[in-house]
Amino acid sequence: MKNILLWLALSSFFSSCNVYSIYVKKQAEVFEEAGMKQYEKISDRPGGLHSGETYIEFKTVYMTGPESFDSTKKTLLLIHGYQGGAIAQWSPNVEELSKYFNIIAPDLNCHGRTYFTSDYSIEMQVDLVNEMLQFNKEKWSIENLIVIGSSYGGLVGARFAEKHAEKVSAYVSYDGLTGCFNKAFTDSIALTLGAKDAVALLNPTSGKEVKKLISLEKPVRIPSFILNQVVDQHFAVQRENKIALLNYLNEHESELNAHRFQWSAPVYILWGRNDKIIPFQTAKCLKEVYQIPDSRFIVYENTGHVMNMQNPKAFNKWVIDTFSN
C-alpha cells in the first residue's frame, strides 16, 4: 500500500513539473556556455487590424560573442529546419563546434524568437538571414561562411549560397530541401500513421501525434505528460504561421523543383539513409543533377532526418574533419 501511495505521489509530482520548460532552459544554457550571444532586433511596424495600429516584429540570431570570437577560425552559418529554431536544433552541437569555429545560428521567421508578417516565401527567409548577419555590432567578418542548411533550412541555405555567393566558401545540404523533392512521399508516410498529410504530421496537436512524429525512424518512449507539454509550448507556438510556410512550399513545388541553383562554392550533400521526411532518393537525385563528386556525397547509415540531434558526435566530427583545417 505504501509503495502504491509513493508511486501516486511521484506521478503527481512529475506530472505537475514543467519538464519541457526545464529542458529548453538547459538548451539555452548550452548556447551561453559555448560563448554564443543573442542579438535581437525589435521594431514597431504599421499594419494592425485598425488604422493607425502597429505590430511588433522580432528578429533573433545567435552568434559567437566578442569575448569568444577568434579571427583565425572559420565561421559556420547553421540554418535550422522546419519546427526547429537555432537553440532547439543546434544545442547538441555548439559546445564542440565552438572549439573550432565561430558560429552564426539564426531563428528563421515563425521559429524560435523570430516573427514578423511576411509572404512566407523562401526568398523572405534568405533576405532575413542576410539582414541578421549585420546584427552583431562588433562587425566581425561575415565572409567565407560555411553554410549548413538542415531540411527546410537546406532550401534557405541553397538560395543564400546562390544569392550571396561572395559570402560563402562552402554549402552543405544536410537532408535539405534543395530540389528533387516530391511531397507525395511524405504525405504517404503521414497517411500510414493516420495523419491527413505531411502538414498535419509535422504540426501535431496532441501528445499522441508528437510521439508518432518523433518515432518515425526509431521508437521513442517519453511520458505522455511531457509530450503534451511539447505540444503546448512548442508546436502550438506560431502554429498557423508555420503551416503557412509549408503551404507556400506546396503551392510552389513545381517552381522550386524546376530551379537549377548556380553555386560558385563547393557543395556537399550530407544525408541520413533512413530519413523518412526527405527520403534518401532525394539525395541521390541532387547528386546526379548537380554532379556532386563522391568525396562530397556523405551518407550515414542507421541515421534519420536530424543526424545532428540523433548522432551529434558523428555530425560534429564530420564538420570538424571537413572544414576546420
C-alpha atoms as a PDB file:
ATOM      1  CA  MET A   1       0.000   0.000   0.000  1.00  0.00           C
ATOM      2  CA  LYS A   2       2.822   2.390   0.896  1.00  0.00           C
ATOM      3  CA  ASN A   3       4.505   1.661  -2.446  1.00  0.00           C
ATOM      4  CA  ILE A   4       1.288   2.464  -4.308  1.00  0.00           C
ATOM      5  CA  LEU A   5       0.884   5.743  -2.428  1.00  0.00           C
ATOM      6  CA  LEU A   6       4.523   6.637  -3.121  1.00  0.00           C
ATOM      7  CA  TRP A   7       4.083   5.878  -6.823  1.00  0.00           C
ATOM      8  CA  LEU A   8       0.938   8.023  -6.970  1.00  0.00           C
ATOM      9  CA  ALA A   9       2.691  10.863  -5.173  1.00  0.00           C
ATOM     10  CA  LEU A  10       5.697  10.742  -7.501  1.00  0.00           C
ATOM     11  CA  SER A  11       3.463  10.552 -10.571  1.00  0.00           C
ATOM     12  CA  SER A  12       1.524  13.583  -9.389  1.00  0.00           C
ATOM     13  CA  PHE A  13       4.746  15.490  -8.669  1.00  0.00           C
ATOM     14  CA  PHE A  14       6.410  14.827 -12.016  1.00  0.00           C
ATOM     15  CA  SER A  15       3.190  15.427 -13.946  1.00  0.00           C
ATOM     16  CA  SER A  16       2.955  18.866 -12.369  1.00  0.00           C
ATOM     17  CA  CYS A  17       6.580  19.707 -13.246  1.00  0.00           C
ATOM     18  CA  ASN A  18       7.191  21.562 -16.471  1.00  0.00           C
ATOM     19  CA  VAL A  19       9.834  19.131 -17.690  1.00  0.00           C
ATOM     20  CA  TYR A  20       9.925  20.544 -21.213  1.00  0.00           C
ATOM     21  CA  SER A  21      10.481  24.078 -19.922  1.00  0.00           C
ATOM     22  CA  ILE A  22      13.420  22.843 -17.851  1.00  0.00           C
ATOM     23  CA  TYR A  23      14.815  21.100 -20.951  1.00  0.00           C
ATOM     24  CA  VAL A  24      14.519  24.281 -23.043  1.00  0.00           C
ATOM     25  CA  LYS A  25      16.295  26.261 -20.326  1.00  0.00           C
ATOM     26  CA  LYS A  26      19.148  23.737 -20.323  1.00  0.00           C
ATOM     27  CA  GLN A  27      19.446  24.087 -24.110  1.00  0.00           C
ATOM     28  CA  ALA A  28      19.801  27.870 -23.779  1.00  0.00           C
ATOM     29  CA  GLU A  29      22.457  27.399 -21.106  1.00  0.00           C
ATOM     30  CA  VAL A  30      24.447  25.208 -23.502  1.00  0.00           C
ATOM     31  CA  PHE A  31      24.468  28.081 -26.026  1.00  0.00           C
ATOM     32  CA  GLU A  32      25.686  30.503 -23.375  1.00  0.00           C
ATOM     33  CA  GLU A  33      28.431  28.142 -22.221  1.00  0.00           C
ATOM     34  CA  ALA A  34      29.580  27.797 -25.839  1.00  0.00           C
ATOM     35  CA  GLY A  35      30.127  31.558 -25.993  1.00  0.00           C
ATOM     36  CA  MET A  36      27.027  32.245 -28.081  1.00  0.00           C
ATOM     37  CA  LYS A  37      25.368  35.627 -27.681  1.00  0.00           C
ATOM     38  CA  GLN A  38      21.814  36.568 -28.644  1.00  0.00           C
ATOM     39  CA  TYR A  39      21.351  39.525 -30.982  1.00  0.00           C
ATOM     40  CA  GLU A  40      17.795  40.734 -31.440  1.00  0.00           C
ATOM     41  CA  LYS A  41      16.072  43.437 -33.432  1.00  0.00           C
ATOM     42  CA  ILE A  42      12.671  44.551 -32.178  1.00  0.00           C
ATOM     43  CA  SER A  43      10.704  47.015 -34.306  1.00  0.00           C
ATOM     44  CA  ASP A  44       7.251  48.585 -34.458  1.00  0.00           C
ATOM     45  CA  ARG A  45       5.620  48.281 -37.856  1.00  0.00           C
ATOM     46  CA  PRO A  46       2.322  49.650 -39.190  1.00  0.00           C
ATOM     47  CA  GLY A  47      -0.230  47.011 -40.059  1.00  0.00           C
ATOM     48  CA  GLY A  48      -2.658  46.378 -37.210  1.00  0.00           C
ATOM     49  CA  LEU A  49      -6.278  45.419 -37.689  1.00  0.00           C
ATOM     50  CA  HIS A  50      -7.343  49.052 -37.474  1.00  0.00           C
ATOM     51  CA  SER A  51      -5.981  52.222 -38.990  1.00  0.00           C
ATOM     52  CA  GLY A  52      -3.041  53.608 -37.079  1.00  0.00           C
ATOM     53  CA  GLU A  53      -2.281  50.351 -35.296  1.00  0.00           C
ATOM     54  CA  THR A  54       1.161  48.790 -35.259  1.00  0.00           C
ATOM     55  CA  TYR A  55       2.587  45.378 -34.530  1.00  0.00           C
ATOM     56  CA  ILE A  56       5.916  44.393 -33.057  1.00  0.00           C
ATOM     57  CA  GLU A  57       8.321  42.268 -35.075  1.00  0.00           C
ATOM     58  CA  PHE A  58      11.157  40.220 -33.630  1.00  0.00           C
ATOM     59  CA  LYS A  59      14.271  39.055 -35.461  1.00  0.00           C
ATOM     60  CA  THR A  60      16.760  36.961 -33.498  1.00  0.00           C
ATOM     61  CA  VAL A  61      20.138  35.442 -34.266  1.00  0.00           C
ATOM     62  CA  TYR A  62      22.776  33.789 -32.092  1.00  0.00           C
ATOM     63  CA  MET A  63      26.448  34.475 -32.782  1.00  0.00           C
ATOM     64  CA  THR A  64      29.772  33.737 -31.186  1.00  0.00           C
ATOM     65  CA  GLY A  65      30.155  36.606 -28.743  1.00  0.00           C
ATOM     66  CA  PRO A  66      33.013  39.141 -28.904  1.00  0.00           C
ATOM     67  CA  GLU A  67      34.736  37.512 -25.918  1.00  0.00           C
ATOM     68  CA  SER A  68      34.866  34.156 -27.722  1.00  0.00           C
ATOM     69  CA  PHE A  69      35.330  35.268 -31.322  1.00  0.00           C
ATOM     70  CA  ASP A  70      38.594  34.106 -32.894  1.00  0.00           C
ATOM     71  CA  SER A  71      39.573  35.649 -36.224  1.00  0.00           C
ATOM     72  CA  THR A  72      41.760  32.629 -37.018  1.00  0.00           C
ATOM     73  CA  LYS A  73      38.722  30.324 -37.007  1.00  0.00           C
ATOM     74  CA  LYS A  74      36.351  29.747 -39.892  1.00  0.00           C
ATOM     75  CA  THR A  75      32.675  30.620 -39.462  1.00  0.00           C
ATOM     76  CA  LEU A  76      29.695  28.265 -39.624  1.00  0.00           C
ATOM     77  CA  LEU A  77      26.278  29.573 -40.632  1.00  0.00           C
ATOM     78  CA  LEU A  78      23.877  26.979 -39.209  1.00  0.00           C
ATOM     79  CA  ILE A  79      20.331  27.205 -40.624  1.00  0.00           C
ATOM     80  CA  HIS A  80      17.806  25.103 -38.751  1.00  0.00           C
ATOM     81  CA  GLY A  81      14.973  23.059 -40.192  1.00  0.00           C
ATOM     82  CA  TYR A  82      11.196  23.257 -40.021  1.00  0.00           C
ATOM     83  CA  GLN A  83       9.867  23.200 -36.436  1.00  0.00           C
ATOM     84  CA  GLY A  84      13.414  23.845 -35.275  1.00  0.00           C
ATOM     85  CA  GLY A  85      14.903  27.079 -34.052  1.00  0.00           C
ATOM     86  CA  ALA A  86      18.561  27.849 -33.501  1.00  0.00           C
ATOM     87  CA  ILE A  87      18.718  26.693 -29.896  1.00  0.00           C
ATOM     88  CA  ALA A  88      16.281  23.818 -30.350  1.00  0.00           C
ATOM     89  CA  GLN A  89      18.250  22.267 -33.208  1.00  0.00           C
ATOM     90  CA  TRP A  90      21.882  23.134 -32.620  1.00  0.00           C
ATOM     91  CA  SER A  91      22.254  22.846 -28.826  1.00  0.00           C
ATOM     92  CA  PRO A  92      23.696  19.300 -29.176  1.00  0.00           C
ATOM     93  CA  ASN A  93      26.491  20.683 -31.365  1.00  0.00           C
ATOM     94  CA  VAL A  94      27.585  24.185 -30.433  1.00  0.00           C
ATOM     95  CA  GLU A  95      29.707  23.240 -27.428  1.00  0.00           C
ATOM     96  CA  GLU A  96      32.032  21.054 -29.510  1.00  0.00           C
ATOM     97  CA  LEU A  97      31.866  23.030 -32.760  1.00  0.00           C
ATOM     98  CA  SER A  98      32.645  26.316 -30.998  1.00  0.00           C
ATOM     99  CA  LYS A  99      36.097  24.953 -30.153  1.00  0.00           C
ATOM    100  CA  TYR A 100      36.948  25.004 -33.865  1.00  0.00           C
ATOM    101  CA  PHE A 101      34.626  27.594 -35.427  1.00  0.00           C
ATOM    102  CA  ASN A 102      32.874  30.881 -34.917  1.00  0.00           C
ATOM    103  CA  ILE A 103      29.149  30.213 -35.213  1.00  0.00           C
ATOM    104  CA  ILE A 104      26.117  32.097 -36.525  1.00  0.00           C
ATOM    105  CA  ALA A 105      22.716  30.466 -35.923  1.00  0.00           C
ATOM    106  CA  PRO A 106      19.598  32.456 -36.887  1.00  0.00           C
ATOM    107  CA  ASP A 107      15.997  31.833 -35.897  1.00  0.00           C
ATOM    108  CA  LEU A 108      14.115  31.761 -39.190  1.00  0.00           C
ATOM    109  CA  ASN A 109      10.792  33.552 -39.400  1.00  0.00           C
ATOM    110  CA  CYS A 110       7.989  31.875 -37.403  1.00  0.00           C
ATOM    111  CA  HIS A 111      10.553  29.909 -35.387  1.00  0.00           C
ATOM    112  CA  GLY A 112      12.276  30.445 -32.077  1.00  0.00           C
ATOM    113  CA  ARG A 113      12.229  34.131 -31.151  1.00  0.00           C
ATOM    114  CA  THR A 114      11.624  35.465 -34.679  1.00  0.00           C
ATOM    115  CA  TYR A 115       8.297  36.639 -36.028  1.00  0.00           C
ATOM    116  CA  PHE A 116       7.178  39.287 -38.482  1.00  0.00           C
ATOM    117  CA  THR A 117       4.464  39.439 -41.117  1.00  0.00           C
ATOM    118  CA  SER A 118       5.645  38.175 -44.499  1.00  0.00           C
ATOM    119  CA  ASP A 119       4.699  36.320 -47.649  1.00  0.00           C
ATOM    120  CA  TYR A 120       6.123  33.061 -46.162  1.00  0.00           C
ATOM    121  CA  SER A 121       8.482  32.658 -49.103  1.00  0.00           C
ATOM    122  CA  ILE A 122      11.969  31.173 -49.196  1.00  0.00           C
ATOM    123  CA  GLU A 123      13.270  34.474 -50.576  1.00  0.00           C
ATOM    124  CA  MET A 124      11.936  36.197 -47.460  1.00  0.00           C
ATOM    125  CA  GLN A 125      13.911  33.791 -45.245  1.00  0.00           C
ATOM    126  CA  VAL A 126      17.078  34.281 -47.304  1.00  0.00           C
ATOM    127  CA  ASP A 127      16.822  38.064 -47.029  1.00  0.00           C
ATOM    128  CA  LEU A 128      16.202  37.695 -43.292  1.00  0.00           C
ATOM    129  CA  VAL A 129      19.357  35.624 -42.792  1.00  0.00           C
ATOM    130  CA  ASN A 130      21.386  38.166 -44.732  1.00  0.00           C
ATOM    131  CA  GLU A 131      19.924  41.010 -42.672  1.00  0.00           C
ATOM    132  CA  MET A 132      20.710  39.190 -39.435  1.00  0.00           C
ATOM    133  CA  LEU A 133      24.376  38.942 -40.339  1.00  0.00           C
ATOM    134  CA  GLN A 134      24.548  42.689 -39.694  1.00  0.00           C
ATOM    135  CA  PHE A 135      23.118  42.465 -36.168  1.00  0.00           C
ATOM    136  CA  ASN A 136      26.476  41.919 -34.475  1.00  0.00           C
ATOM    137  CA  LYS A 137      27.539  45.419 -33.530  1.00  0.00           C
ATOM    138  CA  GLU A 138      31.151  44.287 -33.243  1.00  0.00           C
ATOM    139  CA  LYS A 139      31.101  43.860 -37.041  1.00  0.00           C
ATOM    140  CA  TRP A 140      33.257  40.759 -37.247  1.00  0.00           C
ATOM    141  CA  SER A 141      33.708  39.106 -40.597  1.00  0.00           C
ATOM    142  CA  ILE A 142      30.687  37.687 -42.399  1.00  0.00           C
ATOM    143  CA  GLU A 143      32.642  36.350 -45.357  1.00  0.00           C
ATOM    144  CA  ASN A 144      33.842  32.848 -46.199  1.00  0.00           C
ATOM    145  CA  LEU A 145      30.838  31.349 -44.454  1.00  0.00           C
ATOM    146  CA  ILE A 146      30.387  27.595 -44.325  1.00  0.00           C
ATOM    147  CA  VAL A 147      26.621  27.309 -44.745  1.00  0.00           C
ATOM    148  CA  ILE A 148      24.941  24.191 -43.334  1.00  0.00           C
ATOM    149  CA  GLY A 149      21.207  24.063 -44.035  1.00  0.00           C
ATOM    150  CA  SER A 150      19.032  21.381 -42.477  1.00  0.00           C
ATOM    151  CA  SER A 151      15.751  20.223 -44.052  1.00  0.00           C
ATOM    152  CA  TYR A 152      13.669  23.376 -44.737  1.00  0.00           C
ATOM    153  CA  GLY A 153      16.793  25.347 -43.857  1.00  0.00           C
ATOM    154  CA  GLY A 154      18.565  23.451 -46.633  1.00  0.00           C
ATOM    155  CA  LEU A 155      16.467  25.274 -49.211  1.00  0.00           C
ATOM    156  CA  VAL A 156      17.100  28.578 -47.465  1.00  0.00           C
ATOM    157  CA  GLY A 157      20.831  27.801 -47.373  1.00  0.00           C
ATOM    158  CA  ALA A 158      20.882  26.756 -51.027  1.00  0.00           C
ATOM    159  CA  ARG A 159      19.346  30.011 -52.161  1.00  0.00           C
ATOM    160  CA  PHE A 160      21.543  32.038 -49.777  1.00  0.00           C
ATOM    161  CA  ALA A 161      24.675  30.380 -51.203  1.00  0.00           C
ATOM    162  CA  GLU A 162      23.483  31.313 -54.685  1.00  0.00           C
ATOM    163  CA  LYS A 163      22.250  34.844 -53.995  1.00  0.00           C
ATOM    164  CA  HIS A 164      25.135  35.842 -51.719  1.00  0.00           C
ATOM    165  CA  ALA A 165      27.894  33.791 -53.278  1.00  0.00           C
ATOM    166  CA  GLU A 166      30.532  36.351 -52.290  1.00  0.00           C
ATOM    167  CA  LYS A 167      29.929  35.475 -48.617  1.00  0.00           C
ATOM    168  CA  VAL A 168      30.021  31.683 -48.953  1.00  0.00           C
ATOM    169  CA  SER A 169      33.013  29.346 -49.041  1.00  0.00           C
ATOM    170  CA  ALA A 170      31.023  26.076 -48.883  1.00  0.00           C
ATOM    171  CA  TYR A 171      27.406  24.930 -48.776  1.00  0.00           C
ATOM    172  CA  VAL A 172      26.153  21.730 -47.122  1.00  0.00           C
ATOM    173  CA  SER A 173      22.714  20.382 -47.999  1.00  0.00           C
ATOM    174  CA  TYR A 174      22.032  18.429 -44.827  1.00  0.00           C
ATOM    175  CA  ASP A 175      18.932  16.321 -45.529  1.00  0.00           C
ATOM    176  CA  GLY A 176      17.875  19.514 -47.238  1.00  0.00           C
ATOM    177  CA  LEU A 177      15.063  20.683 -49.492  1.00  0.00           C
ATOM    178  CA  THR A 178      17.343  21.639 -52.355  1.00  0.00           C
ATOM    179  CA  GLY A 179      15.126  20.371 -55.164  1.00  0.00           C
ATOM    180  CA  CYS A 180      14.282  16.855 -56.379  1.00  0.00           C
ATOM    181  CA  PHE A 181      11.627  16.584 -53.672  1.00  0.00           C
ATOM    182  CA  ASN A 182       8.132  15.180 -54.076  1.00  0.00           C
ATOM    183  CA  LYS A 183       5.872  15.893 -51.132  1.00  0.00           C
ATOM    184  CA  ALA A 184       3.771  12.878 -52.080  1.00  0.00           C
ATOM    185  CA  PHE A 185       6.371  10.673 -50.364  1.00  0.00           C
ATOM    186  CA  THR A 186       5.998  12.419 -47.008  1.00  0.00           C
ATOM    187  CA  ASP A 187       2.226  12.554 -47.490  1.00  0.00           C
ATOM    188  CA  SER A 188       2.223   8.761 -47.918  1.00  0.00           C
ATOM    189  CA  ILE A 189       4.233   8.321 -44.710  1.00  0.00           C
ATOM    190  CA  ALA A 190       1.758  10.583 -42.929  1.00  0.00           C
ATOM    191  CA  LEU A 191      -1.201   8.532 -44.140  1.00  0.00           C
ATOM    192  CA  THR A 192       0.295   5.304 -42.799  1.00  0.00           C
ATOM    193  CA  LEU A 193       0.490   6.999 -39.380  1.00  0.00           C
ATOM    194  CA  GLY A 194      -3.087   8.208 -39.508  1.00  0.00           C
ATOM    195  CA  ALA A 195      -2.319  11.838 -40.365  1.00  0.00           C
ATOM    196  CA  LYS A 196      -4.118  13.631 -43.184  1.00  0.00           C
ATOM    197  CA  ASP A 197      -0.901  14.700 -44.913  1.00  0.00           C
ATOM    198  CA  ALA A 198       2.642  15.930 -44.268  1.00  0.00           C
ATOM    199  CA  VAL A 199       1.391  19.296 -42.997  1.00  0.00           C
ATOM    200  CA  ALA A 200      -0.656  17.553 -40.309  1.00  0.00           C
ATOM    201  CA  LEU A 201       2.181  15.150 -39.483  1.00  0.00           C
ATOM    202  CA  LEU A 202       4.687  17.968 -38.961  1.00  0.00           C
ATOM    203  CA  ASN A 203       2.256  20.087 -36.928  1.00  0.00           C
ATOM    204  CA  PRO A 204       0.906  17.740 -34.253  1.00  0.00           C
ATOM    205  CA  THR A 205      -1.861  18.883 -31.922  1.00  0.00           C
ATOM    206  CA  SER A 206      -1.652  16.164 -29.272  1.00  0.00           C
ATOM    207  CA  GLY A 207       0.988  14.234 -27.366  1.00  0.00           C
ATOM    208  CA  LYS A 208      -0.030  11.104 -29.251  1.00  0.00           C
ATOM    209  CA  GLU A 209       0.644  12.810 -32.585  1.00  0.00           C
ATOM    210  CA  VAL A 210       4.007  14.121 -31.345  1.00  0.00           C
ATOM    211  CA  LYS A 211       5.009  10.581 -30.424  1.00  0.00           C
ATOM    212  CA  LYS A 212       4.183   9.370 -33.943  1.00  0.00           C
ATOM    213  CA  LEU A 213       6.316  12.124 -35.441  1.00  0.00           C
ATOM    214  CA  ILE A 214       9.395  11.642 -33.275  1.00  0.00           C
ATOM    215  CA  SER A 215       9.124   7.847 -33.555  1.00  0.00           C
ATOM    216  CA  LEU A 216       9.195   7.853 -37.359  1.00  0.00           C
ATOM    217  CA  GLU A 217      12.669   6.354 -37.597  1.00  0.00           C
ATOM    218  CA  LYS A 218      13.072   4.816 -34.162  1.00  0.00           C
ATOM    219  CA  PRO A 219      10.547   4.181 -31.357  1.00  0.00           C
ATOM    220  CA  VAL A 220      10.815   6.746 -28.587  1.00  0.00           C
ATOM    221  CA  ARG A 221       9.449   6.253 -25.082  1.00  0.00           C
ATOM    222  CA  ILE A 222       8.523   9.532 -23.437  1.00  0.00           C
ATOM    223  CA  PRO A 223       5.775  10.000 -20.822  1.00  0.00           C
ATOM    224  CA  SER A 224       2.579  11.409 -22.291  1.00  0.00           C
ATOM    225  CA  PHE A 225       2.510  14.402 -19.915  1.00  0.00           C
ATOM    226  CA  ILE A 226       5.882  15.557 -21.329  1.00  0.00           C
ATOM    227  CA  LEU A 227       4.654  15.119 -24.897  1.00  0.00           C
ATOM    228  CA  ASN A 228       1.609  17.242 -24.058  1.00  0.00           C
ATOM    229  CA  GLN A 229       3.943  19.936 -22.741  1.00  0.00           C
ATOM    230  CA  VAL A 230       5.846  19.806 -26.029  1.00  0.00           C
ATOM    231  CA  VAL A 231       2.587  20.375 -27.900  1.00  0.00           C
ATOM    232  CA  ASP A 232       1.586  23.364 -25.777  1.00  0.00           C
ATOM    233  CA  GLN A 233       4.983  25.030 -25.557  1.00  0.00           C
ATOM    234  CA  HIS A 234       6.497  24.238 -28.948  1.00  0.00           C
ATOM    235  CA  PHE A 235       4.131  23.040 -31.659  1.00  0.00           C
ATOM    236  CA  ALA A 236       1.264  25.361 -30.680  1.00  0.00           C
ATOM    237  CA  VAL A 237       3.528  28.420 -30.873  1.00  0.00           C
ATOM    238  CA  GLN A 238       3.059  30.216 -34.222  1.00  0.00           C
ATOM    239  CA  ARG A 239       1.285  27.092 -35.468  1.00  0.00           C
ATOM    240  CA  GLU A 240      -0.746  28.803 -38.203  1.00  0.00           C
ATOM    241  CA  ASN A 241       2.275  30.719 -39.459  1.00  0.00           C
ATOM    242  CA  LYS A 242       4.392  27.570 -39.605  1.00  0.00           C
ATOM    243  CA  ILE A 243       1.646  25.844 -41.572  1.00  0.00           C
ATOM    244  CA  ALA A 244       1.628  28.816 -43.952  1.00  0.00           C
ATOM    245  CA  LEU A 245       5.359  28.248 -44.573  1.00  0.00           C
ATOM    246  CA  LEU A 246       4.636  24.662 -45.651  1.00  0.00           C
ATOM    247  CA  ASN A 247       1.660  25.723 -47.735  1.00  0.00           C
ATOM    248  CA  TYR A 248       3.952  28.100 -49.620  1.00  0.00           C
ATOM    249  CA  LEU A 249       6.287  25.198 -50.429  1.00  0.00           C
ATOM    250  CA  ASN A 250       3.386  23.026 -51.565  1.00  0.00           C
ATOM    251  CA  GLU A 251       1.917  25.750 -53.753  1.00  0.00           C
ATOM    252  CA  HIS A 252       5.301  26.435 -55.391  1.00  0.00           C
ATOM    253  CA  GLU A 253       6.600  22.850 -55.512  1.00  0.00           C
ATOM    254  CA  SER A 254       6.961  22.698 -59.299  1.00  0.00           C
ATOM    255  CA  GLU A 255       8.656  26.091 -59.457  1.00  0.00           C
ATOM    256  CA  LEU A 256      11.071  25.264 -56.632  1.00  0.00           C
ATOM    257  CA  ASN A 257      11.988  21.874 -58.080  1.00  0.00           C
ATOM    258  CA  ALA A 258      12.497  23.352 -61.543  1.00  0.00           C
ATOM    259  CA  HIS A 259      15.009  25.918 -60.307  1.00  0.00           C
ATOM    260  CA  ARG A 260      18.629  24.991 -61.012  1.00  0.00           C
ATOM    261  CA  PHE A 261      20.958  26.578 -58.498  1.00  0.00           C
ATOM    262  CA  GLN A 262      24.111  28.260 -59.724  1.00  0.00           C
ATOM    263  CA  TRP A 263      26.641  27.858 -56.938  1.00  0.00           C
ATOM    264  CA  SER A 264      30.207  29.128 -57.043  1.00  0.00           C
ATOM    265  CA  ALA A 265      31.250  27.478 -53.745  1.00  0.00           C
ATOM    266  CA  PRO A 266      31.775  23.721 -53.387  1.00  0.00           C
ATOM    267  CA  VAL A 267      28.605  21.858 -52.424  1.00  0.00           C
ATOM    268  CA  TYR A 268      28.347  18.908 -50.045  1.00  0.00           C
ATOM    269  CA  ILE A 269      25.428  16.554 -49.526  1.00  0.00           C
ATOM    270  CA  LEU A 270      25.114  15.097 -46.033  1.00  0.00           C
ATOM    271  CA  TRP A 271      22.254  12.641 -45.533  1.00  0.00           C
ATOM    272  CA  GLY A 272      20.810  10.016 -43.244  1.00  0.00           C
ATOM    273  CA  ARG A 273      19.912   6.912 -45.219  1.00  0.00           C
ATOM    274  CA  ASN A 274      16.848   6.254 -43.048  1.00  0.00           C
ATOM    275  CA  ASP A 275      15.366   9.719 -43.494  1.00  0.00           C
ATOM    276  CA  LYS A 276      11.564   9.353 -43.543  1.00  0.00           C
ATOM    277  CA  ILE A 277      10.832  13.059 -44.067  1.00  0.00           C
ATOM    278  CA  ILE A 278      13.033  13.834 -47.087  1.00  0.00           C
ATOM    279  CA  PRO A 279      13.978  10.406 -48.450  1.00  0.00           C
ATOM    280  CA  PHE A 280      17.437   9.258 -49.483  1.00  0.00           C
ATOM    281  CA  GLN A 281      16.309   9.144 -53.115  1.00  0.00           C
ATOM    282  CA  THR A 282      16.230  12.959 -52.959  1.00  0.00           C
ATOM    283  CA  ALA A 283      19.921  12.982 -52.063  1.00  0.00           C
ATOM    284  CA  LYS A 284      20.736  10.673 -54.988  1.00  0.00           C
ATOM    285  CA  CYS A 285      18.795  12.918 -57.352  1.00  0.00           C
ATOM    286  CA  LEU A 286      20.651  16.017 -56.124  1.00  0.00           C
ATOM    287  CA  LYS A 287      23.977  14.269 -56.564  1.00  0.00           C
ATOM    288  CA  GLU A 288      23.131  13.469 -60.178  1.00  0.00           C
ATOM    289  CA  VAL A 289      21.579  16.830 -61.079  1.00  0.00           C
ATOM    290  CA  TYR A 290      24.444  18.874 -59.643  1.00  0.00           C
ATOM    291  CA  GLN A 291      27.225  16.407 -60.424  1.00  0.00           C
ATOM    292  CA  ILE A 292      28.391  16.203 -56.830  1.00  0.00           C
ATOM    293  CA  PRO A 293      31.580  14.087 -56.589  1.00  0.00           C
ATOM    294  CA  ASP A 294      31.613  11.041 -54.318  1.00  0.00           C
ATOM    295  CA  SER A 295      34.040  12.796 -51.977  1.00  0.00           C
ATOM    296  CA  ARG A 296      31.361  15.386 -51.204  1.00  0.00           C
ATOM    297  CA  PHE A 297      28.417  12.968 -51.006  1.00  0.00           C
ATOM    298  CA  ILE A 298      28.273  11.685 -47.431  1.00  0.00           C
ATOM    299  CA  VAL A 299      25.708   9.160 -46.240  1.00  0.00           C
ATOM    300  CA  TYR A 300      25.316   7.901 -42.682  1.00  0.00           C
ATOM    301  CA  GLU A 301      23.727   4.509 -42.173  1.00  0.00           C
ATOM    302  CA  ASN A 302      21.198   3.941 -39.394  1.00  0.00           C
ATOM    303  CA  THR A 303      20.575   7.684 -39.279  1.00  0.00           C
ATOM    304  CA  GLY A 304      17.385   9.598 -39.999  1.00  0.00           C
ATOM    305  CA  HIS A 305      16.356  13.159 -40.737  1.00  0.00           C
ATOM    306  CA  VAL A 306      18.185  15.028 -37.962  1.00  0.00           C
ATOM    307  CA  MET A 307      21.627  13.484 -37.659  1.00  0.00           C
ATOM    308  CA  ASN A 308      22.971  16.420 -35.633  1.00  0.00           C
ATOM    309  CA  MET A 309      20.484  15.509 -32.879  1.00  0.00           C
ATOM    310  CA  GLN A 310      20.323  11.732 -33.332  1.00  0.00           C
ATOM    311  CA  ASN A 311      24.074  11.262 -33.645  1.00  0.00           C
ATOM    312  CA  PRO A 312      25.718  14.565 -32.606  1.00  0.00           C
ATOM    313  CA  LYS A 313      29.181  13.080 -32.130  1.00  0.00           C
ATOM    314  CA  ALA A 314      29.284  11.828 -35.726  1.00  0.00           C
ATOM    315  CA  PHE A 315      27.852  15.091 -37.059  1.00  0.00           C
ATOM    316  CA  ASN A 316      30.327  17.220 -35.114  1.00  0.00           C
ATOM    317  CA  LYS A 317      33.252  15.042 -36.170  1.00  0.00           C
ATOM    318  CA  TRP A 318      32.326  15.274 -39.843  1.00  0.00           C
ATOM    319  CA  VAL A 319      32.010  19.070 -39.731  1.00  0.00           C
ATOM    320  CA  ILE A 320      35.302  19.447 -37.852  1.00  0.00           C
ATOM    321  CA  ASP A 321      37.226  16.987 -40.019  1.00  0.00           C
ATOM    322  CA  THR A 322      35.859  18.500 -43.237  1.00  0.00           C
ATOM    323  CA  PHE A 323      36.125  22.218 -42.570  1.00  0.00           C
ATOM    324  CA  SER A 324      38.317  23.094 -39.585  1.00  0.00           C
ATOM    325  CA  ASN A 325      41.635  22.865 -41.485  1.00  0.00           C
END
